[in-house]
Structures are given as structure tokens and as C-alpha cells.
Amino acid sequence: MSIEYNELLAMLMETRPEFATDLYNWTDGPDLPDYDDISVTRRTITLPEQPGRLRVCVAAAYSKDGERVVALLFDAVLHQDPAQAESWLQFMTDAQRTLSCMVAFVVLCRDAQTANWALTYSAVGDIGCYVLPVVIPSLLASA
């Protein structure tokens, strides 16, 4: 189900890249660095434990003078799903490796309880990444 939400986010951000900035600004994360360009892509992975299940997230890479300064990854979480949360670390490390910049993972949650659960996955080690849950109930209405 969250794949459809992530595809919708990708379409919105591809049409209006500043939408990624708007969503990020709802978090308590640090201010974004100066940038002059945003490129939006869809990232997919398959976890070894779930070879038949595709995971999708949206990436917004921010650049200044042609050099990437930060990447924001987005995932919609409808309920507590440890398997989905396990994919966040792989998404972050893959993005950090391929984009060569700091990565923040914004988790869009339907309610505060799910956001608090997502926050428990914010300790991903000292790899220059962090998870920022944000509650957006109107965006993730009951399906």
C-alpha cells in the first residue's frame, strides 16, 4: 500500500520539487543548506529477506553550484511495519554511497503513535544519516 503513496509523492515532487522542501520543513530536522537545484528520483530496493517484495522511496537531491549538498528520502508509513523500517537503513546507505552527501530520511506517518514508533529507528549508527518522522494525517487518510 505505501508504494502507491510513494509513487504519488514522486509524481508530486517531480512536478513541483519544492514540495520535498515543504514536507521536510514540517520536521524538526536541521535547516537545509543553501541550494540552487533539486532533482527528484524514485529509488527501489529488494531486501534479501524479502526477495519478492519491492520497496520504493522518493529521493530529492539538493545541489549548490553542481555539487550535491544533501539528499532527502521519503517513505509513507501507514502502520508499524518493522520490515518496512528495516529498508530505511539500506535506502540511506545506498543513497549516501551513490550521491556522496548527507542523507535525511523523512517518514510520513498517519498518526503520532506510528511516528513515535518510526523514531525508534532513527539510531542508524554514525553514518551521517538520520530518520525524521512527521505526522501528516490528511495525506495518509485511511485506505
N, C-alpha and C. Protein backbone atom coordinates (compact mmCIF):
# COMPACT_ATOMS: atom_id res chain seq x y z
N MET A 1 0.82 -1.20 0.00
CA MET A 1 0.00 0.00 0.00
C MET A 1 0.86 1.26 0.00
N SER A 2 1.92 1.31 0.81
CA SER A 2 2.72 2.54 0.87
C SER A 2 3.44 2.80 -0.44
N ILE A 3 3.63 1.77 -1.26
CA ILE A 3 4.26 2.00 -2.56
C ILE A 3 3.42 2.97 -3.39
N GLU A 4 2.08 2.84 -3.33
CA GLU A 4 1.23 3.75 -4.08
C GLU A 4 1.39 5.18 -3.56
N TYR A 5 1.47 5.35 -2.23
CA TYR A 5 1.68 6.67 -1.67
C TYR A 5 3.03 7.23 -2.10
N ASN A 6 4.05 6.39 -2.12
CA ASN A 6 5.36 6.86 -2.53
C ASN A 6 5.38 7.23 -4.01
N GLU A 7 4.66 6.50 -4.84
CA GLU A 7 4.55 6.86 -6.26
C GLU A 7 3.83 8.20 -6.41
N LEU A 8 2.79 8.42 -5.62
CA LEU A 8 2.09 9.70 -5.64
C LEU A 8 3.02 10.83 -5.21
N LEU A 9 3.78 10.60 -4.14
CA LEU A 9 4.76 11.60 -3.70
C LEU A 9 5.76 11.91 -4.81
N ALA A 10 6.23 10.86 -5.48
CA ALA A 10 7.20 11.05 -6.56
C ALA A 10 6.60 11.92 -7.67
N MET A 11 5.36 11.63 -8.05
CA MET A 11 4.73 12.43 -9.10
C MET A 11 4.59 13.89 -8.67
N LEU A 12 4.18 14.12 -7.43
CA LEU A 12 4.04 15.49 -6.93
C LEU A 12 5.38 16.21 -6.91
N MET A 13 6.43 15.51 -6.44
CA MET A 13 7.75 16.14 -6.34
C MET A 13 8.40 16.32 -7.71
N GLU A 14 8.13 15.43 -8.64
CA GLU A 14 8.66 15.61 -9.99
C GLU A 14 8.04 16.83 -10.65
N THR A 15 6.76 17.07 -10.37
CA THR A 15 6.06 18.22 -10.92
C THR A 15 6.46 19.50 -10.21
N ARG A 16 6.64 19.40 -8.90
CA ARG A 16 7.00 20.57 -8.08
C ARG A 16 8.03 20.14 -7.04
N PRO A 17 9.31 20.18 -7.38
CA PRO A 17 10.36 19.72 -6.46
C PRO A 17 10.36 20.41 -5.10
N GLU A 18 9.89 21.64 -5.01
CA GLU A 18 9.85 22.33 -3.72
C GLU A 18 8.89 21.67 -2.74
N PHE A 19 8.02 20.77 -3.24
CA PHE A 19 7.14 20.03 -2.34
C PHE A 19 7.97 19.20 -1.36
N ALA A 20 9.12 18.68 -1.80
CA ALA A 20 10.01 17.94 -0.91
C ALA A 20 10.50 18.85 0.21
N THR A 21 10.83 20.09 -0.13
CA THR A 21 11.29 21.05 0.87
C THR A 21 10.16 21.36 1.85
N ASP A 22 8.95 21.54 1.34
CA ASP A 22 7.80 21.81 2.20
C ASP A 22 7.60 20.68 3.21
N LEU A 23 7.64 19.44 2.74
CA LEU A 23 7.47 18.30 3.65
C LEU A 23 8.60 18.24 4.67
N TYR A 24 9.82 18.46 4.22
CA TYR A 24 10.96 18.43 5.14
C TYR A 24 10.82 19.51 6.21
N ASN A 25 10.34 20.68 5.83
CA ASN A 25 10.23 21.79 6.78
C ASN A 25 9.21 21.51 7.88
N TRP A 26 8.36 20.49 7.73
CA TRP A 26 7.44 20.10 8.80
C TRP A 26 8.14 19.27 9.87
N THR A 27 9.36 18.83 9.62
CA THR A 27 10.10 18.04 10.59
C THR A 27 10.86 18.96 11.54
N ASP A 28 11.46 18.36 12.55
CA ASP A 28 12.31 19.12 13.46
C ASP A 28 13.77 19.00 13.06
N GLY A 29 14.02 18.63 11.82
CA GLY A 29 15.39 18.47 11.35
C GLY A 29 16.09 19.80 11.19
N PRO A 30 17.41 19.76 11.03
CA PRO A 30 18.18 21.00 10.84
C PRO A 30 17.79 21.69 9.54
N ASP A 31 18.09 22.97 9.46
CA ASP A 31 17.81 23.72 8.24
C ASP A 31 18.57 23.09 7.07
N LEU A 32 17.95 23.15 5.90
CA LEU A 32 18.63 22.69 4.70
C LEU A 32 19.76 23.66 4.36
N PRO A 33 20.85 23.14 3.82
CA PRO A 33 21.93 24.05 3.39
C PRO A 33 21.48 24.84 2.15
N ASP A 34 22.22 25.86 1.81
CA ASP A 34 21.94 26.62 0.59
C ASP A 34 21.98 25.68 -0.61
N TYR A 35 21.04 25.87 -1.54
CA TYR A 35 20.99 25.04 -2.74
C TYR A 35 20.43 25.86 -3.88
N ASP A 36 20.72 25.44 -5.10
CA ASP A 36 20.17 26.12 -6.27
C ASP A 36 19.49 25.15 -7.23
N ASP A 37 19.44 23.85 -6.86
CA ASP A 37 18.80 22.85 -7.72
C ASP A 37 18.31 21.68 -6.88
N ILE A 38 17.17 21.12 -7.29
CA ILE A 38 16.63 19.91 -6.66
C ILE A 38 16.32 18.92 -7.77
N SER A 39 16.84 17.70 -7.65
CA SER A 39 16.47 16.65 -8.61
C SER A 39 15.76 15.53 -7.85
N VAL A 40 14.65 15.07 -8.42
CA VAL A 40 13.80 14.07 -7.77
C VAL A 40 13.90 12.76 -8.55
N THR A 41 14.10 11.66 -7.81
CA THR A 41 14.15 10.33 -8.42
C THR A 41 13.40 9.35 -7.54
N ARG A 42 13.07 8.22 -8.10
CA ARG A 42 12.48 7.12 -7.34
C ARG A 42 13.57 6.09 -7.13
N ARG A 43 13.70 5.63 -5.90
CA ARG A 43 14.71 4.62 -5.58
C ARG A 43 13.98 3.35 -5.19
N THR A 44 14.48 2.22 -5.66
CA THR A 44 13.87 0.93 -5.34
C THR A 44 14.94 -0.03 -4.82
N ILE A 45 14.52 -0.88 -3.91
CA ILE A 45 15.40 -1.95 -3.41
C ILE A 45 14.56 -3.19 -3.18
N THR A 46 15.23 -4.31 -3.11
CA THR A 46 14.64 -5.56 -2.67
C THR A 46 15.50 -6.06 -1.53
N LEU A 47 14.89 -6.29 -0.39
CA LEU A 47 15.64 -6.78 0.76
C LEU A 47 15.93 -8.27 0.61
N PRO A 48 17.11 -8.73 1.03
CA PRO A 48 17.45 -10.15 0.91
C PRO A 48 16.43 -11.06 1.61
N GLU A 49 15.89 -10.57 2.74
CA GLU A 49 14.92 -11.38 3.50
C GLU A 49 13.56 -11.46 2.81
N GLN A 50 13.30 -10.56 1.86
CA GLN A 50 12.01 -10.50 1.17
C GLN A 50 12.24 -10.35 -0.32
N PRO A 51 12.79 -11.37 -0.98
CA PRO A 51 13.18 -11.22 -2.38
C PRO A 51 12.02 -10.90 -3.34
N GLY A 52 10.81 -11.21 -2.98
CA GLY A 52 9.68 -10.95 -3.87
C GLY A 52 8.98 -9.64 -3.58
N ARG A 53 9.48 -8.86 -2.65
CA ARG A 53 8.79 -7.63 -2.24
C ARG A 53 9.65 -6.41 -2.55
N LEU A 54 9.18 -5.58 -3.45
CA LEU A 54 9.89 -4.38 -3.87
C LEU A 54 9.60 -3.24 -2.89
N ARG A 55 10.62 -2.49 -2.52
CA ARG A 55 10.48 -1.30 -1.67
C ARG A 55 10.80 -0.07 -2.52
N VAL A 56 9.99 0.96 -2.38
CA VAL A 56 10.16 2.19 -3.16
C VAL A 56 10.19 3.38 -2.20
N CYS A 57 11.08 4.32 -2.46
CA CYS A 57 11.04 5.60 -1.76
C CYS A 57 11.37 6.69 -2.77
N VAL A 58 11.11 7.92 -2.38
CA VAL A 58 11.36 9.07 -3.23
C VAL A 58 12.59 9.79 -2.71
N ALA A 59 13.47 10.21 -3.61
CA ALA A 59 14.68 10.94 -3.22
C ALA A 59 14.67 12.31 -3.87
N ALA A 60 14.96 13.32 -3.05
CA ALA A 60 15.15 14.68 -3.55
C ALA A 60 16.59 15.06 -3.22
N ALA A 61 17.41 15.22 -4.24
CA ALA A 61 18.83 15.57 -4.04
C ALA A 61 19.00 17.07 -4.28
N TYR A 62 19.57 17.74 -3.30
CA TYR A 62 19.78 19.19 -3.35
C TYR A 62 21.23 19.47 -3.71
N SER A 63 21.43 20.40 -4.65
CA SER A 63 22.79 20.74 -5.11
C SER A 63 23.01 22.24 -5.05
N LYS A 64 24.27 22.60 -4.88
CA LYS A 64 24.68 24.00 -4.94
C LYS A 64 25.88 24.07 -5.86
N ASP A 65 25.77 24.87 -6.93
CA ASP A 65 26.85 25.01 -7.92
C ASP A 65 27.30 23.66 -8.47
N GLY A 66 26.33 22.77 -8.71
CA GLY A 66 26.63 21.48 -9.32
C GLY A 66 27.12 20.40 -8.36
N GLU A 67 27.25 20.71 -7.08
CA GLU A 67 27.72 19.73 -6.09
C GLU A 67 26.57 19.40 -5.12
N ARG A 68 26.31 18.11 -4.94
CA ARG A 68 25.24 17.71 -4.03
C ARG A 68 25.61 18.07 -2.60
N VAL A 69 24.62 18.64 -1.89
CA VAL A 69 24.85 19.03 -0.51
C VAL A 69 24.04 18.21 0.49
N VAL A 70 22.89 17.70 0.08
CA VAL A 70 22.06 16.86 0.95
C VAL A 70 21.03 16.14 0.08
N ALA A 71 20.60 14.99 0.55
CA ALA A 71 19.51 14.25 -0.10
C ALA A 71 18.44 13.94 0.94
N LEU A 72 17.21 14.13 0.55
CA LEU A 72 16.08 13.78 1.40
C LEU A 72 15.38 12.58 0.79
N LEU A 73 15.18 11.55 1.60
CA LEU A 73 14.42 10.37 1.17
C LEU A 73 13.08 10.41 1.88
N PHE A 74 12.04 9.95 1.19
CA PHE A 74 10.69 9.98 1.75
C PHE A 74 10.05 8.61 1.67
N ASP A 75 9.36 8.21 2.74
CA ASP A 75 8.61 6.96 2.76
C ASP A 75 7.31 7.20 3.52
N ALA A 76 6.21 6.70 3.01
CA ALA A 76 4.92 6.79 3.68
C ALA A 76 4.71 5.52 4.51
N VAL A 77 4.37 5.70 5.79
CA VAL A 77 4.15 4.58 6.70
C VAL A 77 2.70 4.62 7.17
N LEU A 78 1.96 3.59 6.84
CA LEU A 78 0.55 3.55 7.21
C LEU A 78 0.34 2.94 8.59
N HIS A 79 1.25 2.09 9.01
CA HIS A 79 1.17 1.44 10.32
C HIS A 79 2.57 0.94 10.67
N GLN A 80 2.73 0.48 11.88
CA GLN A 80 4.03 -0.03 12.31
C GLN A 80 4.37 -1.27 11.50
N ASP A 81 5.47 -1.20 10.77
CA ASP A 81 5.89 -2.30 9.90
C ASP A 81 7.41 -2.44 10.01
N PRO A 82 7.89 -3.33 10.90
CA PRO A 82 9.34 -3.48 11.07
C PRO A 82 10.07 -3.82 9.78
N ALA A 83 9.45 -4.59 8.90
CA ALA A 83 10.11 -4.93 7.63
C ALA A 83 10.31 -3.68 6.79
N GLN A 84 9.33 -2.79 6.78
CA GLN A 84 9.47 -1.54 6.04
C GLN A 84 10.56 -0.68 6.67
N ALA A 85 10.59 -0.61 7.99
CA ALA A 85 11.61 0.19 8.67
C ALA A 85 13.01 -0.36 8.43
N GLU A 86 13.14 -1.66 8.29
CA GLU A 86 14.45 -2.25 8.02
C GLU A 86 15.01 -1.79 6.68
N SER A 87 14.13 -1.43 5.76
CA SER A 87 14.60 -0.96 4.45
C SER A 87 15.20 0.44 4.52
N TRP A 88 14.86 1.22 5.54
CA TRP A 88 15.33 2.59 5.62
C TRP A 88 16.86 2.67 5.67
N LEU A 89 17.48 1.82 6.45
CA LEU A 89 18.94 1.85 6.54
C LEU A 89 19.57 1.55 5.19
N GLN A 90 19.02 0.57 4.46
CA GLN A 90 19.58 0.26 3.14
C GLN A 90 19.37 1.42 2.18
N PHE A 91 18.19 2.02 2.19
CA PHE A 91 17.95 3.19 1.34
C PHE A 91 18.95 4.30 1.67
N MET A 92 19.15 4.56 2.97
CA MET A 92 20.05 5.65 3.36
C MET A 92 21.49 5.37 2.97
N THR A 93 21.96 4.16 3.24
CA THR A 93 23.35 3.86 2.91
C THR A 93 23.57 3.83 1.40
N ASP A 94 22.59 3.29 0.65
CA ASP A 94 22.71 3.30 -0.82
C ASP A 94 22.73 4.73 -1.36
N ALA A 95 21.84 5.58 -0.83
CA ALA A 95 21.80 6.97 -1.30
C ALA A 95 23.07 7.71 -0.92
N GLN A 96 23.54 7.49 0.29
CA GLN A 96 24.76 8.18 0.71
C GLN A 96 25.95 7.75 -0.16
N ARG A 97 26.01 6.47 -0.47
CA ARG A 97 27.10 5.95 -1.31
C ARG A 97 27.01 6.50 -2.73
N THR A 98 25.83 6.49 -3.33
CA THR A 98 25.71 6.91 -4.72
C THR A 98 25.67 8.42 -4.90
N LEU A 99 25.15 9.14 -3.91
CA LEU A 99 25.02 10.59 -4.04
C LEU A 99 26.15 11.35 -3.34
N SER A 100 26.91 10.65 -2.51
CA SER A 100 28.06 11.24 -1.80
C SER A 100 27.70 12.51 -1.04
N CYS A 101 26.65 12.42 -0.22
CA CYS A 101 26.26 13.57 0.61
C CYS A 101 25.51 13.06 1.83
N MET A 102 25.23 13.97 2.75
CA MET A 102 24.42 13.63 3.92
C MET A 102 23.01 13.27 3.45
N VAL A 103 22.39 12.34 4.17
CA VAL A 103 21.04 11.88 3.81
C VAL A 103 20.14 11.99 5.03
N ALA A 104 18.94 12.53 4.83
CA ALA A 104 17.90 12.53 5.85
C ALA A 104 16.73 11.73 5.31
N PHE A 105 16.14 10.91 6.15
CA PHE A 105 15.02 10.07 5.75
C PHE A 105 13.77 10.60 6.44
N VAL A 106 12.82 11.11 5.67
CA VAL A 106 11.59 11.67 6.20
C VAL A 106 10.51 10.59 6.09
N VAL A 107 9.96 10.22 7.24
CA VAL A 107 8.95 9.18 7.30
C VAL A 107 7.60 9.86 7.53
N LEU A 108 6.73 9.79 6.54
CA LEU A 108 5.40 10.40 6.64
C LEU A 108 4.47 9.40 7.32
N CYS A 109 3.92 9.80 8.47
CA CYS A 109 3.12 8.89 9.29
C CYS A 109 1.68 9.38 9.39
N ARG A 110 0.80 8.44 9.58
CA ARG A 110 -0.63 8.73 9.67
C ARG A 110 -1.02 9.26 11.05
N ASP A 111 -0.27 8.86 12.10
CA ASP A 111 -0.63 9.26 13.45
C ASP A 111 0.62 9.35 14.33
N ALA A 112 0.44 9.95 15.50
CA ALA A 112 1.57 10.17 16.42
C ALA A 112 2.15 8.85 16.92
N GLN A 113 1.33 7.85 17.14
CA GLN A 113 1.83 6.56 17.63
C GLN A 113 2.79 5.94 16.60
N THR A 114 2.43 5.99 15.34
CA THR A 114 3.30 5.46 14.29
C THR A 114 4.57 6.30 14.18
N ALA A 115 4.45 7.62 14.32
CA ALA A 115 5.63 8.49 14.27
C ALA A 115 6.59 8.17 15.42
N ASN A 116 6.05 7.95 16.61
CA ASN A 116 6.91 7.59 17.74
C ASN A 116 7.60 6.26 17.50
N TRP A 117 6.88 5.31 16.92
CA TRP A 117 7.49 4.02 16.58
C TRP A 117 8.60 4.23 15.56
N ALA A 118 8.35 5.04 14.53
CA ALA A 118 9.37 5.30 13.50
C ALA A 118 10.60 5.95 14.09
N LEU A 119 10.41 6.78 15.09
CA LEU A 119 11.53 7.46 15.72
C LEU A 119 12.49 6.47 16.36
N THR A 120 12.00 5.31 16.78
CA THR A 120 12.89 4.30 17.39
C THR A 120 13.90 3.78 16.37
N TYR A 121 13.64 3.96 15.09
CA TYR A 121 14.57 3.53 14.05
C TYR A 121 15.53 4.64 13.64
N SER A 122 15.54 5.75 14.38
CA SER A 122 16.40 6.86 13.99
C SER A 122 17.85 6.62 14.37
N ALA A 123 18.13 5.70 15.25
CA ALA A 123 19.51 5.40 15.62
C ALA A 123 20.08 4.41 14.60
N VAL A 124 20.60 4.93 13.51
CA VAL A 124 21.10 4.07 12.43
C VAL A 124 22.61 4.00 12.41
N GLY A 125 23.24 4.43 13.49
CA GLY A 125 24.70 4.38 13.53
C GLY A 125 25.30 5.69 13.06
N ASP A 126 26.60 5.79 13.15
CA ASP A 126 27.29 7.01 12.79
C ASP A 126 27.66 6.99 11.31
N ILE A 127 26.63 7.16 10.47
CA ILE A 127 26.87 7.13 9.03
C ILE A 127 26.44 8.44 8.37
N GLY A 128 26.17 9.46 9.19
CA GLY A 128 25.79 10.76 8.63
C GLY A 128 24.36 10.81 8.14
N CYS A 129 23.50 9.96 8.67
CA CYS A 129 22.10 9.90 8.26
C CYS A 129 21.21 9.96 9.49
N TYR A 130 19.97 10.35 9.29
CA TYR A 130 19.02 10.31 10.39
C TYR A 130 17.60 10.18 9.84
N VAL A 131 16.70 9.68 10.71
CA VAL A 131 15.30 9.48 10.36
C VAL A 131 14.48 10.56 11.05
N LEU A 132 13.57 11.18 10.31
CA LEU A 132 12.73 12.25 10.83
C LEU A 132 11.26 11.91 10.58
N PRO A 133 10.56 11.38 11.58
CA PRO A 133 9.13 11.10 11.37
C PRO A 133 8.31 12.38 11.44
N VAL A 134 7.30 12.47 10.61
CA VAL A 134 6.38 13.62 10.63
C VAL A 134 4.97 13.08 10.41
N VAL A 135 4.03 13.60 11.21
CA VAL A 135 2.64 13.15 11.13
C VAL A 135 1.88 14.00 10.13
N ILE A 136 1.32 13.35 9.13
CA ILE A 136 0.53 14.04 8.10
C ILE A 136 -0.75 13.23 7.89
N PRO A 137 -1.71 13.35 8.83
CA PRO A 137 -2.90 12.51 8.74
C PRO A 137 -3.76 12.76 7.51
N SER A 138 -3.84 14.00 7.04
CA SER A 138 -4.69 14.26 5.89
C SER A 138 -4.13 13.67 4.61
N LEU A 139 -2.80 13.54 4.52
CA LEU A 139 -2.16 12.97 3.34
C LEU A 139 -2.32 11.46 3.32
N LEU A 140 -2.28 10.86 4.52
CA LEU A 140 -2.32 9.40 4.62
C LEU A 140 -3.64 8.96 5.24
N ALA A 141 -4.73 9.38 4.67
CA ALA A 141 -6.05 9.03 5.19
C ALA A 141 -6.26 7.53 5.11
N SER A 142 -7.17 7.05 5.92
CA SER A 142 -7.45 5.61 5.94
C SER A 142 -7.80 5.11 4.55
N ALA A 143 -7.22 3.97 4.22
CA ALA A 143 -7.47 3.40 2.91
C ALA A 143 -8.61 2.42 2.96
